[in-house]
Amino acid sequence: MKTLFIFLFTLLSFAKSPTDFITKSKNYRFIDFTRAFYDITFNIKNKTVKVKTQIYFDQEQDGFPIFDLIPDAKLIQINDKETSMETITSPDGETTYRSITTKVSAGSHILTVENSFSKGLKFEKDSVASAFWMSDLNDRQYLEQYIPSNIEYDQYQMTFNISVTQTDKEHKVYANGKFSNKAKNKFKIVFPQYFTSSSLFFHIVKKDRFDETSFDYISKAGKVIPVVIYKKPSWWGSNGLKSLKQNTIKILKELEEKFGAWPHPSLTIYNAGMGGMEYSGATMTSSSALGHELTHSYFARGVMPVDGNSGWIDEAIASWRDDGYKKVSEPNFSSTSMASHSIYRRYTDKRAYTQGANFMAYLNEKLKQFGGLTFFLKELHSHYTHRNITTKIFIKELKIFSGINFQKDFDKYILANKNQIKSIESIDNPYHPQLTEKELLKLL
């Protein structure tokens, strides 16, 4: 058995974009964001939000750059020259993106966009509450719902400059980036370079809106991890926070034992009492889903899926963990296509929660002579933390780790042709209930 992985930097690409395509006689190109700056201004008196974005990107070939933004742009420029934005569809109709109507040459460029958004936003008389809630279970449900972003394969540093104007009420921001507050109601947050469009946690509210506790957790590696837990006020007050703190520490110790040292510089937990969604070193969650969501800071927002054909891995791992790290001699299902969707798919197959978790239990049995699946996942995590992963990489690393070629198992249970099987995507997992827009607004 090989206890250390061989890095495949020369054989595998960690961040492969989908394939460029031609439509309307235009060559559309997936691009590489190098950094992005967002100036976000909340005006309380006028009840408006304005976003000005500058994106620095590289494009390998001449063509029309692909990015995404669901709200319409009020102004868009490429290299300081005004242009316009258009909606485009992937060749197979799987998803839609945005591009600009100006052809761009190969090289480095600056895209400037001004927009507003209404989702995840609630103005009150003297304050604002806003959050960038996300989901991995529906198309175009990441950062593009609010501000311009790239597709999930891309990793880049993001900087937020937040201003809350026309109010005397002090606001507070919860986020998983590095803060440098400039003044009252002015915040600068720099998010790490390894972040993708699904990594970022952002929640702004009037100060003292929530009950909160903070403490330092000493990780297995000896690193000090600042932890913030917040929740809506309730009659049990500090006792509720004390219980949440104890449970958080218990889960962190479990996960560090199974998968290695906590992989992020901090941890932010919003105990919303419902829902459940993971971010890098952060979560919006219910108490019952906390273990599931913190597992995702290892797999999903630690070791990160490159696309919708990779997201099954992290949901299967987290659900397998929820089931008690089981072993089974054979999968309890015949076949699925959970990782053989369109190359343009951007969200996770729900069968990962059930059949995917069962397949992880099967791998756990097959790997028992090598320490089991957790030993493999610990090694995988140590070498792929803050890097993208695909199903192909997962299969290759299993073989390197154990010497066993699992390709046939994956072909049968995970990668079957969806046109040849009757299996359909399962119902929602209890840890990831899909909340309505009304329910999400209540969480602000």
Protein backbone atom coordinates (compact mmCIF):
# COMPACT_ATOMS: atom_id res chain seq x y z
CA MET A 1 0.00 0.00 0.00
CA LYS A 2 1.19 3.50 -0.75
CA THR A 3 0.67 5.71 2.28
CA LEU A 4 1.59 8.86 0.40
CA PHE A 5 -0.05 9.94 -2.82
CA ILE A 6 1.94 10.64 -5.93
CA PHE A 7 1.08 14.10 -7.16
CA LEU A 8 -0.27 14.01 -10.67
CA PHE A 9 0.40 17.63 -11.55
CA THR A 10 1.89 16.66 -14.91
CA LEU A 11 -0.87 14.19 -15.71
CA LEU A 12 -4.04 15.80 -14.44
CA SER A 13 -5.42 19.30 -14.50
CA PHE A 14 -6.98 20.37 -11.21
CA ALA A 15 -9.19 23.09 -12.66
CA LYS A 16 -10.44 22.08 -16.07
CA SER A 17 -13.14 24.25 -17.51
CA PRO A 18 -15.88 22.82 -19.73
CA THR A 19 -15.23 22.78 -23.46
CA ASP A 20 -15.39 26.08 -25.35
CA PHE A 21 -18.19 26.17 -27.90
CA ILE A 22 -19.51 27.95 -30.97
CA THR A 23 -23.05 29.26 -31.30
CA LYS A 24 -24.47 32.04 -33.45
CA SER A 25 -21.15 31.81 -35.34
CA LYS A 26 -19.31 33.06 -32.25
CA ASN A 27 -16.50 31.33 -30.41
CA TYR A 28 -17.33 31.43 -26.70
CA ARG A 29 -14.38 30.95 -24.35
CA PHE A 30 -14.20 29.86 -20.73
CA ILE A 31 -11.79 32.19 -18.99
CA ASP A 32 -9.56 32.41 -15.92
CA PHE A 33 -10.40 35.10 -13.35
CA THR A 34 -7.19 36.19 -11.62
CA ARG A 35 -8.89 38.52 -9.12
CA ALA A 36 -12.17 40.37 -8.66
CA PHE A 37 -13.10 43.53 -6.74
CA TYR A 38 -16.66 44.25 -5.63
CA ASP A 39 -17.84 47.61 -4.29
CA ILE A 40 -21.25 46.99 -2.72
CA THR A 41 -23.26 49.93 -1.39
CA PHE A 42 -26.49 49.57 0.58
CA ASN A 43 -28.47 52.82 0.70
CA ILE A 44 -30.97 52.59 3.56
CA LYS A 45 -32.92 55.76 2.74
CA ASN A 46 -33.48 54.83 -0.91
CA LYS A 47 -33.65 51.08 -0.21
CA THR A 48 -31.21 50.31 -3.02
CA VAL A 49 -28.09 48.24 -3.46
CA LYS A 50 -25.47 49.03 -6.07
CA VAL A 51 -22.59 46.79 -7.06
CA LYS A 52 -19.58 47.86 -9.11
CA THR A 53 -17.31 45.00 -10.09
CA GLN A 54 -13.87 44.89 -11.69
CA ILE A 55 -12.76 41.48 -12.90
CA TYR A 56 -9.21 40.82 -14.09
CA PHE A 57 -9.10 37.76 -16.32
CA ASP A 58 -6.95 35.84 -18.77
CA GLN A 59 -8.28 34.38 -22.00
CA GLU A 60 -6.28 31.78 -23.91
CA GLN A 61 -7.81 32.27 -27.37
CA ASP A 62 -9.65 34.99 -29.26
CA GLY A 63 -13.39 34.91 -28.74
CA PHE A 64 -16.22 35.96 -26.48
CA PRO A 65 -15.57 35.46 -22.73
CA ILE A 66 -17.95 33.35 -20.64
CA PHE A 67 -18.86 34.34 -17.08
CA ASP A 68 -22.16 34.52 -15.20
CA LEU A 69 -24.55 36.98 -13.59
CA ILE A 70 -28.27 36.39 -13.21
CA PRO A 71 -29.37 40.02 -12.60
CA ASP A 72 -29.16 42.36 -15.57
CA ALA A 73 -26.19 44.70 -15.81
CA LYS A 74 -26.74 48.47 -15.72
CA LEU A 75 -23.31 49.11 -17.22
CA ILE A 76 -20.70 46.79 -18.69
CA GLN A 77 -17.26 47.64 -20.06
CA ILE A 78 -14.34 45.66 -21.43
CA ASN A 79 -10.99 47.39 -20.99
CA ASP A 80 -12.83 50.69 -20.27
CA LYS A 81 -14.87 50.50 -23.49
CA GLU A 82 -18.62 50.16 -23.13
CA THR A 83 -20.23 47.00 -24.41
CA SER A 84 -23.32 44.94 -23.62
CA MET A 85 -24.09 41.60 -22.03
CA GLU A 86 -25.93 38.69 -23.61
CA THR A 87 -27.34 35.39 -22.39
CA ILE A 88 -25.96 32.28 -24.05
CA THR A 89 -26.85 28.60 -23.78
CA SER A 90 -24.52 25.61 -23.67
CA PRO A 91 -24.58 23.52 -26.87
CA ASP A 92 -26.77 20.81 -25.31
CA GLY A 93 -29.11 23.23 -23.55
CA GLU A 94 -27.94 22.08 -20.11
CA THR A 95 -27.33 25.57 -18.68
CA THR A 96 -27.00 29.24 -19.53
CA TYR A 97 -24.21 31.75 -19.03
CA ARG A 98 -23.42 35.35 -19.77
CA SER A 99 -20.99 36.79 -22.29
CA ILE A 100 -20.37 40.19 -23.83
CA THR A 101 -21.07 41.28 -27.38
CA THR A 102 -17.47 42.40 -27.96
CA LYS A 103 -14.91 39.92 -29.25
CA VAL A 104 -11.84 39.75 -27.02
CA SER A 105 -8.33 38.80 -28.08
CA ALA A 106 -6.18 36.27 -26.27
CA GLY A 107 -4.46 37.85 -23.27
CA SER A 108 -5.27 39.73 -20.07
CA HIS A 109 -8.31 41.98 -19.75
CA ILE A 110 -10.48 43.93 -17.32
CA LEU A 111 -14.25 43.50 -17.23
CA THR A 112 -16.28 46.17 -15.40
CA VAL A 113 -19.89 45.51 -14.46
CA GLU A 114 -22.48 47.53 -12.55
CA ASN A 115 -25.61 45.81 -11.29
CA SER A 116 -28.11 45.55 -8.48
CA PHE A 117 -29.81 42.52 -6.93
CA SER A 118 -33.01 41.83 -5.03
CA LYS A 119 -32.50 38.25 -3.91
CA GLY A 120 -31.42 37.64 -0.31
CA LEU A 121 -32.14 41.29 0.53
CA LYS A 122 -34.45 42.96 3.03
CA PHE A 123 -34.53 46.64 3.93
CA GLU A 124 -36.00 47.81 7.20
CA LYS A 125 -36.63 51.34 8.45
CA ASP A 126 -33.04 52.02 9.50
CA SER A 127 -31.08 48.94 8.44
CA VAL A 128 -30.52 46.24 5.87
CA ALA A 129 -30.22 42.48 6.07
CA SER A 130 -28.64 40.64 3.16
CA ALA A 131 -27.02 37.26 2.59
CA PHE A 132 -25.61 35.41 -0.39
CA TRP A 133 -27.39 32.10 0.23
CA MET A 134 -26.38 29.37 -2.20
CA SER A 135 -27.36 25.85 -3.23
CA ASP A 136 -25.58 23.00 -5.01
CA LEU A 137 -28.84 21.29 -6.00
CA ASN A 138 -30.08 23.65 -8.70
CA ASP A 139 -28.57 25.30 -11.75
CA ARG A 140 -26.98 28.75 -11.35
CA GLN A 141 -27.39 28.96 -7.58
CA TYR A 142 -23.94 30.14 -6.56
CA LEU A 143 -22.47 33.65 -6.42
CA GLU A 144 -23.89 34.53 -9.85
CA GLN A 145 -27.31 35.03 -8.22
CA TYR A 146 -26.04 38.32 -6.81
CA ILE A 147 -22.81 39.54 -8.39
CA PRO A 148 -20.67 38.68 -11.46
CA SER A 149 -18.69 35.47 -11.01
CA ASN A 150 -16.99 32.73 -12.92
CA ILE A 151 -18.08 29.10 -13.17
CA GLU A 152 -17.24 26.79 -10.25
CA TYR A 153 -14.05 25.37 -11.80
CA ASP A 154 -12.24 28.72 -11.37
CA GLN A 155 -10.37 29.80 -8.23
CA TYR A 156 -9.60 33.47 -7.64
CA GLN A 157 -9.21 36.07 -4.93
CA MET A 158 -12.24 38.25 -4.25
CA THR A 159 -12.26 41.57 -2.40
CA PHE A 160 -15.45 43.12 -1.03
CA ASN A 161 -15.70 46.80 -0.13
CA ILE A 162 -19.01 47.16 1.70
CA SER A 163 -20.71 50.46 2.56
CA VAL A 164 -24.00 50.99 4.38
CA THR A 165 -25.15 54.58 3.89
CA GLN A 166 -28.00 56.88 4.98
CA THR A 167 -28.37 55.39 8.47
CA ASP A 168 -26.94 55.83 11.95
CA LYS A 169 -27.52 52.21 12.89
CA GLU A 170 -24.33 50.18 13.10
CA HIS A 171 -24.15 47.02 11.01
CA LYS A 172 -22.17 43.82 11.29
CA VAL A 173 -20.88 41.41 8.66
CA TYR A 174 -20.39 37.67 9.09
CA ALA A 175 -18.08 36.28 6.40
CA ASN A 176 -15.34 33.71 5.80
CA GLY A 177 -12.71 36.18 4.64
CA LYS A 178 -10.10 38.47 6.20
CA PHE A 179 -11.60 41.68 7.60
CA SER A 180 -10.16 45.18 7.80
CA ASN A 181 -13.00 47.47 8.88
CA LYS A 182 -12.36 51.01 7.70
CA ALA A 183 -14.98 52.84 9.75
CA LYS A 184 -18.53 52.47 11.03
CA ASN A 185 -20.59 50.67 8.37
CA LYS A 186 -17.60 50.33 6.05
CA PHE A 187 -16.01 46.91 5.67
CA LYS A 188 -13.23 45.47 3.57
CA ILE A 189 -13.13 41.69 3.23
CA VAL A 190 -10.51 39.76 1.27
CA PHE A 191 -11.42 36.18 0.42
CA PRO A 192 -8.65 33.62 -0.26
CA GLN A 193 -7.26 32.98 -3.72
CA TYR A 194 -8.43 29.36 -3.63
CA PHE A 195 -12.12 30.36 -3.38
CA THR A 196 -14.59 29.50 -6.12
CA SER A 197 -18.08 30.81 -6.83
CA SER A 198 -19.45 28.34 -4.25
CA SER A 199 -16.99 29.08 -1.42
CA LEU A 200 -17.95 32.51 -0.16
CA PHE A 201 -20.11 33.15 2.93
CA PHE A 202 -21.54 36.67 3.34
CA HIS A 203 -24.25 37.91 5.72
CA ILE A 204 -24.78 41.54 6.76
CA VAL A 205 -27.27 42.63 9.43
CA LYS A 206 -27.89 45.35 11.98
CA LYS A 207 -25.50 44.96 14.90
CA ASP A 208 -26.80 42.94 17.86
CA ARG A 209 -29.49 41.30 15.74
CA PHE A 210 -28.22 37.86 16.78
CA ASP A 211 -27.06 36.07 19.90
CA GLU A 212 -23.41 35.23 19.40
CA THR A 213 -20.48 33.43 20.96
CA SER A 214 -16.86 33.25 19.86
CA PHE A 215 -13.92 31.16 20.99
CA ASP A 216 -10.62 29.75 19.78
CA TYR A 217 -10.38 26.11 18.79
CA ILE A 218 -6.90 24.58 18.79
CA SER A 219 -6.70 22.29 15.79
CA LYS A 220 -4.94 18.97 15.62
CA ALA A 221 -2.06 20.73 13.86
CA GLY A 222 -1.75 23.22 16.75
CA LYS A 223 -3.23 26.10 14.75
CA VAL A 224 -5.57 28.53 16.50
CA ILE A 225 -8.95 28.57 14.70
CA PRO A 226 -11.24 31.49 15.60
CA VAL A 227 -14.84 30.25 15.77
CA VAL A 228 -17.99 32.40 15.67
CA ILE A 229 -21.45 30.91 16.25
CA TYR A 230 -24.55 33.07 15.95
CA LYS A 231 -28.29 32.51 16.07
CA LYS A 232 -31.55 34.39 16.43
CA PRO A 233 -32.32 35.46 20.02
CA SER A 234 -34.35 32.96 22.04
CA TRP A 235 -35.52 32.44 25.60
CA TRP A 236 -32.71 29.96 26.40
CA GLY A 237 -30.10 32.58 25.37
CA SER A 238 -26.57 31.69 26.43
CA ASN A 239 -27.51 28.10 27.25
CA GLY A 240 -28.38 27.51 23.62
CA LEU A 241 -25.05 28.94 22.49
CA LYS A 242 -23.21 26.87 25.10
CA SER A 243 -24.77 23.71 23.73
CA LEU A 244 -23.91 24.71 20.14
CA LYS A 245 -20.32 25.38 21.17
CA GLN A 246 -19.99 21.98 22.86
CA ASN A 247 -21.43 20.18 19.86
CA THR A 248 -19.19 22.11 17.45
CA ILE A 249 -16.06 21.15 19.39
CA LYS A 250 -17.18 17.51 19.51
CA ILE A 251 -17.74 17.40 15.74
CA LEU A 252 -14.47 19.17 14.95
CA LYS A 253 -12.54 16.64 17.02
CA GLU A 254 -14.29 13.78 15.22
CA LEU A 255 -13.58 15.22 11.77
CA GLU A 256 -9.95 16.02 12.57
CA GLU A 257 -9.46 12.44 13.74
CA LYS A 258 -11.05 11.04 10.58
CA PHE A 259 -9.82 13.44 7.90
CA GLY A 260 -6.99 15.56 9.30
CA ALA A 261 -6.51 19.07 10.65
CA TRP A 262 -9.19 21.70 10.06
CA PRO A 263 -8.37 23.10 6.58
CA HIS A 264 -9.55 26.72 6.92
CA PRO A 265 -8.26 29.76 8.84
CA SER A 266 -11.54 30.22 10.74
CA LEU A 267 -15.05 28.83 11.24
CA THR A 268 -18.34 30.74 11.07
CA ILE A 269 -21.61 28.99 11.96
CA TYR A 270 -25.04 30.52 11.51
CA ASN A 271 -27.44 28.27 13.38
CA ALA A 272 -30.54 29.24 11.43
CA GLY A 273 -32.76 26.52 12.85
CA MET A 274 -33.52 25.18 9.38
CA GLY A 275 -31.82 24.48 6.08
CA GLY A 276 -28.23 23.47 5.61
CA MET A 277 -25.59 24.74 3.21
CA GLU A 278 -21.83 24.56 3.23
CA TYR A 279 -19.23 27.22 2.52
CA SER A 280 -15.44 27.22 2.99
CA GLY A 281 -15.01 27.26 6.75
CA ALA A 282 -18.61 28.40 7.26
CA THR A 283 -22.16 27.13 7.22
CA MET A 284 -25.79 28.18 7.46
CA THR A 285 -27.36 25.21 9.18
CA SER A 286 -29.75 23.64 11.64
CA SER A 287 -28.37 21.93 14.73
CA SER A 288 -29.11 18.47 13.34
CA ALA A 289 -27.25 19.17 10.09
CA LEU A 290 -24.14 20.66 11.70
CA GLY A 291 -21.99 17.52 11.38
CA HIS A 292 -22.96 17.08 7.74
CA GLU A 293 -22.17 20.70 6.90
CA LEU A 294 -18.83 20.78 8.73
CA THR A 295 -17.82 17.61 6.87
CA HIS A 296 -18.30 19.66 3.72
CA SER A 297 -15.53 22.03 4.81
CA TYR A 298 -13.28 19.04 4.13
CA PHE A 299 -15.03 17.69 1.04
CA ALA A 300 -16.94 20.24 -1.09
CA ARG A 301 -15.31 23.44 0.18
CA GLY A 302 -11.92 21.96 1.11
CA VAL A 303 -11.37 19.40 -1.63
CA MET A 304 -13.58 21.13 -4.21
CA PRO A 305 -15.67 19.69 -7.06
CA VAL A 306 -14.94 21.13 -10.48
CA ASP A 307 -18.47 20.71 -11.85
CA GLY A 308 -21.83 18.98 -11.54
CA ASN A 309 -20.31 15.59 -12.37
CA SER A 310 -17.96 15.91 -9.39
CA GLY A 311 -20.29 17.21 -6.68
CA TRP A 312 -21.63 13.72 -5.93
CA ILE A 313 -18.31 12.86 -4.27
CA ASP A 314 -18.63 15.28 -1.37
CA GLU A 315 -22.35 14.68 -0.79
CA ALA A 316 -21.74 10.93 -0.80
CA ILE A 317 -18.89 11.29 1.71
CA ALA A 318 -20.86 13.56 4.05
CA SER A 319 -23.94 11.31 3.88
CA TRP A 320 -21.79 8.21 4.46
CA ARG A 321 -20.40 9.94 7.54
CA ASP A 322 -23.96 10.71 8.71
CA ASP A 323 -24.79 7.00 8.34
CA GLY A 324 -21.99 6.05 10.75
CA TYR A 325 -19.10 5.25 8.36
CA LYS A 326 -20.72 1.96 7.28
CA LYS A 327 -19.26 -0.96 5.34
CA VAL A 328 -21.21 -3.04 2.81
CA SER A 329 -20.02 -5.97 0.70
CA GLU A 330 -22.07 -4.94 -2.35
CA PRO A 331 -23.94 -1.74 -3.31
CA ASN A 332 -27.69 -1.98 -2.71
CA PHE A 333 -28.58 -0.50 -6.11
CA SER A 334 -28.02 -1.61 -9.68
CA SER A 335 -26.72 1.44 -11.52
CA THR A 336 -26.79 5.24 -11.68
CA SER A 337 -25.59 8.03 -13.94
CA MET A 338 -24.85 10.47 -11.12
CA ALA A 339 -21.47 11.44 -12.61
CA SER A 340 -22.20 11.04 -16.31
CA HIS A 341 -24.32 14.09 -16.98
CA SER A 342 -23.54 16.82 -19.50
CA ILE A 343 -20.05 18.30 -19.23
CA TYR A 344 -21.80 21.64 -18.73
CA ARG A 345 -23.85 20.52 -15.72
CA ARG A 346 -23.33 22.80 -12.70
CA TYR A 347 -25.22 21.15 -9.84
CA THR A 348 -25.15 17.89 -7.89
CA ASP A 349 -27.18 14.75 -8.56
CA LYS A 350 -29.35 14.07 -5.48
CA ARG A 351 -28.69 10.34 -5.69
CA ALA A 352 -25.34 11.13 -4.05
CA TYR A 353 -27.15 11.24 -0.69
CA THR A 354 -28.42 7.69 -0.97
CA GLN A 355 -26.77 5.53 -3.63
CA GLY A 356 -23.62 7.64 -3.45
CA ALA A 357 -23.34 7.15 0.32
CA ASN A 358 -23.94 3.42 -0.15
CA PHE A 359 -21.17 3.29 -2.74
CA MET A 360 -18.80 4.92 -0.24
CA ALA A 361 -19.74 2.17 2.22
CA TYR A 362 -18.80 -0.34 -0.48
CA LEU A 363 -15.44 1.36 -1.00
CA ASN A 364 -14.93 1.29 2.76
CA GLU A 365 -15.29 -2.50 2.75
CA LYS A 366 -13.00 -2.89 -0.26
CA LEU A 367 -10.32 -0.75 1.39
CA LYS A 368 -10.48 -2.37 4.84
CA GLN A 369 -7.03 -3.96 4.50
CA PHE A 370 -5.59 -0.48 3.87
CA GLY A 371 -7.23 1.19 6.85
CA GLY A 372 -10.63 1.77 5.26
CA LEU A 373 -12.11 4.65 3.34
CA THR A 374 -11.35 7.24 6.03
CA PHE A 375 -7.63 6.54 5.71
CA PHE A 376 -7.85 7.09 1.96
CA LEU A 377 -9.90 10.26 2.39
CA LYS A 378 -7.42 11.64 4.91
CA GLU A 379 -4.65 11.17 2.35
CA LEU A 380 -6.80 12.62 -0.42
CA HIS A 381 -7.62 15.65 1.69
CA SER A 382 -4.01 16.28 2.68
CA HIS A 383 -2.94 16.56 -0.96
CA TYR A 384 -6.00 18.12 -2.57
CA THR A 385 -7.05 20.67 0.05
CA HIS A 386 -8.08 23.91 -1.68
CA ARG A 387 -7.82 22.22 -5.07
CA ASN A 388 -10.39 21.03 -7.56
CA ILE A 389 -11.23 17.37 -8.01
CA THR A 390 -13.09 15.34 -10.61
CA THR A 391 -14.49 11.83 -10.62
CA LYS A 392 -11.61 10.82 -12.88
CA ILE A 393 -9.07 12.08 -10.33
CA PHE A 394 -10.93 10.30 -7.52
CA ILE A 395 -10.72 6.96 -9.40
CA LYS A 396 -7.02 7.44 -10.19
CA GLU A 397 -6.14 8.29 -6.60
CA LEU A 398 -8.00 5.24 -5.32
CA LYS A 399 -5.83 3.08 -7.56
CA ILE A 400 -2.62 4.82 -6.47
CA PHE A 401 -3.61 4.40 -2.83
CA SER A 402 -4.67 0.75 -2.94
CA GLY A 403 -3.38 -0.75 -6.16
CA ILE A 404 -6.99 -1.70 -6.97
CA ASN A 405 -8.55 -0.55 -10.22
CA PHE A 406 -12.12 0.50 -9.40
CA GLN A 407 -12.94 1.68 -12.92
CA LYS A 408 -15.45 -1.12 -13.59
CA ASP A 409 -17.26 -0.42 -10.33
CA PHE A 410 -17.51 3.26 -11.17
CA ASP A 411 -18.63 2.49 -14.71
CA LYS A 412 -21.46 0.35 -13.35
CA TYR A 413 -22.62 2.25 -10.27
CA ILE A 414 -21.66 5.88 -10.87
CA LEU A 415 -20.97 6.45 -14.57
CA ALA A 416 -23.65 4.44 -16.36
CA ASN A 417 -25.26 5.85 -19.48
CA LYS A 418 -28.36 7.65 -18.23
CA ASN A 419 -30.27 6.61 -21.36
CA GLN A 420 -29.85 2.94 -20.47
CA ILE A 421 -31.12 2.99 -16.87
CA LYS A 422 -34.38 3.87 -15.21
CA SER A 423 -32.90 5.31 -12.01
CA ILE A 424 -33.96 8.88 -11.28
CA GLU A 425 -32.60 11.51 -8.95
CA SER A 426 -33.84 10.92 -5.42
CA ILE A 427 -35.81 13.15 -3.09
CA ASP A 428 -34.12 15.82 -1.00
CA ASN A 429 -31.75 14.80 1.76
CA PRO A 430 -32.91 15.94 5.23
CA TYR A 431 -29.60 17.78 5.67
CA HIS A 432 -30.19 19.76 2.50
CA PRO A 433 -33.88 20.67 2.44
CA GLN A 434 -34.54 23.09 -0.38
CA LEU A 435 -35.91 26.20 1.24
CA THR A 436 -38.29 28.54 -0.53
CA GLU A 437 -37.40 32.16 -1.21
CA LYS A 438 -39.81 33.14 1.56
CA GLU A 439 -38.10 30.80 4.03
CA LEU A 440 -34.66 32.11 3.06
CA LEU A 441 -35.80 35.70 3.60
CA LYS A 442 -36.88 34.78 7.12
CA LEU A 443 -33.33 33.65 7.86
CA LEU A 444 -31.96 37.15 7.19
